[in-house]
Amino acid sequence: MKQYIKKIQAKDEDTRKFIFVSSMIICMALVAFVWIYNLTTRFSDPKVATQANQDIKPFKLFTNSISDTYNNVNASVDKASTSINIPKTETPTVPADQIDLTGVGNSNQ
């Protein structure tokens, strides 16, 4: 094994990186295969499948409540934007020689 490692260390950096990445992909694929295989055998048991469904229910309720809240807010916003009728008021016109002092407050100086 030491001789094999020495051979790999003697190669250039690109080859070493390629060997490292490929070995990691192979190892992770093996781990993923074992994990998926265990999931299928575990969930084939009806007792475990019913327990998993019971465990998922709170999360399903949470997502349903978020979805309902979003739909209610969305409906309220749509309803509010169409039901409000703001009367149009005419803005007073100011003659060109008059200075508009609206917004200027009285000062006690």
Protein backbone atom coordinates (compact mmCIF):
# COMPACT_ATOMS: atom_id res chain seq x y z
CA MET A 1 0.00 0.00 0.00
CA LYS A 2 2.88 2.37 0.83
CA GLN A 3 4.40 1.78 -2.61
CA TYR A 4 1.08 2.63 -4.27
CA ILE A 5 0.84 5.87 -2.27
CA LYS A 6 4.44 6.74 -3.22
CA LYS A 7 3.55 6.22 -6.91
CA ILE A 8 0.58 8.57 -6.57
CA GLN A 9 2.71 11.17 -4.75
CA ALA A 10 5.25 11.07 -7.58
CA LYS A 11 2.65 12.01 -10.21
CA ASP A 12 1.93 15.62 -11.19
CA GLU A 13 -0.64 17.71 -9.32
CA ASP A 14 -3.42 17.48 -11.93
CA THR A 15 -3.28 13.68 -11.91
CA ARG A 16 -3.31 13.58 -8.10
CA LYS A 17 -6.35 15.89 -8.00
CA PHE A 18 -8.13 13.71 -10.55
CA ILE A 19 -7.42 10.56 -8.53
CA PHE A 20 -8.62 12.28 -5.35
CA VAL A 21 -11.86 13.57 -6.88
CA SER A 22 -12.66 10.25 -8.55
CA SER A 23 -12.01 8.27 -5.37
CA MET A 24 -14.25 10.65 -3.40
CA ILE A 25 -17.04 10.30 -5.98
CA ILE A 26 -16.79 6.52 -5.86
CA CYS A 27 -16.82 6.46 -2.04
CA MET A 28 -19.78 8.83 -1.78
CA ALA A 29 -21.70 6.87 -4.42
CA LEU A 30 -21.14 3.73 -2.36
CA VAL A 31 -22.37 5.47 0.81
CA ALA A 32 -25.43 6.84 -1.03
CA PHE A 33 -26.23 3.38 -2.43
CA VAL A 34 -26.09 1.78 1.03
CA TRP A 35 -28.19 4.58 2.51
CA ILE A 36 -30.89 4.36 -0.17
CA TYR A 37 -30.93 0.57 0.04
CA ASN A 38 -31.48 0.76 3.82
CA LEU A 39 -34.27 3.30 3.39
CA THR A 40 -36.19 1.03 1.04
CA THR A 41 -35.82 -1.97 3.32
CA ARG A 42 -36.69 0.07 6.41
CA PHE A 43 -39.83 1.67 4.95
CA SER A 44 -41.08 -1.63 3.58
CA ASP A 45 -42.01 -2.53 7.18
CA PRO A 46 -45.61 -1.28 7.72
CA LYS A 47 -44.94 -0.40 11.36
CA VAL A 48 -42.08 1.93 10.40
CA ALA A 49 -44.07 3.41 7.50
CA THR A 50 -46.99 4.37 9.77
CA GLN A 51 -44.59 5.83 12.34
CA ALA A 52 -42.91 7.90 9.60
CA ASN A 53 -46.30 9.21 8.49
CA GLN A 54 -47.07 10.19 12.09
CA ASP A 55 -43.71 11.95 12.39
CA ILE A 56 -44.29 13.94 9.18
CA LYS A 57 -47.77 15.19 10.22
CA PRO A 58 -46.60 18.20 12.30
CA PHE A 59 -44.47 19.43 9.42
CA LYS A 60 -47.37 18.96 7.03
CA LEU A 61 -49.63 20.92 9.37
CA PHE A 62 -47.03 23.68 9.57
CA THR A 63 -46.68 23.94 5.79
CA ASN A 64 -50.47 23.92 5.40
CA SER A 65 -50.84 26.74 7.91
CA ILE A 66 -48.18 28.82 6.12
CA SER A 67 -49.88 28.17 2.79
CA ASP A 68 -53.30 29.13 4.21
CA THR A 69 -51.88 32.31 5.73
CA TYR A 70 -50.27 33.29 2.44
CA ASN A 71 -53.51 32.66 0.55
CA ASN A 72 -55.54 34.67 3.08
CA VAL A 73 -53.14 37.62 2.95
CA ASN A 74 -53.04 37.47 -0.82
CA ALA A 75 -56.86 37.44 -1.01
CA SER A 76 -57.07 40.32 1.47
CA VAL A 77 -54.61 42.44 -0.47
CA ASP A 78 -56.42 41.77 -3.75
CA LYS A 79 -59.76 42.58 -2.13
CA ALA A 80 -58.42 45.76 -0.50
CA SER A 81 -56.86 47.05 -3.68
CA THR A 82 -60.11 46.70 -5.64
CA SER A 83 -62.58 47.81 -2.97
CA ILE A 84 -61.06 51.14 -1.98
CA ASN A 85 -62.43 54.01 -4.03
CA ILE A 86 -60.48 57.16 -3.34
CA PRO A 87 -62.33 60.23 -4.59
CA LYS A 88 -60.30 62.39 -6.88
CA THR A 89 -59.88 65.93 -5.61
CA GLU A 90 -58.80 68.82 -7.66
CA THR A 91 -55.62 70.54 -6.59
CA PRO A 92 -56.01 74.27 -6.17
CA THR A 93 -54.25 76.28 -8.77
CA VAL A 94 -51.93 79.04 -7.65
CA PRO A 95 -51.51 82.13 -9.80
CA ALA A 96 -48.01 82.65 -11.14
CA ASP A 97 -47.41 85.83 -9.15
CA GLN A 98 -48.48 84.29 -5.81
CA ILE A 99 -46.09 82.32 -3.59
CA ASP A 100 -47.53 79.13 -2.11
CA LEU A 101 -46.89 79.05 1.64
CA THR A 102 -48.62 75.76 2.37
CA GLY A 103 -46.69 73.80 4.94
CA VAL A 104 -44.96 76.82 6.43
CA GLY A 105 -45.84 76.92 10.12
CA ASN A 106 -46.05 79.85 12.50
CA SER A 107 -42.85 80.41 14.35
CA ASN A 108 -42.76 82.04 17.76
CA GLN A 109 -39.65 84.09 17.40
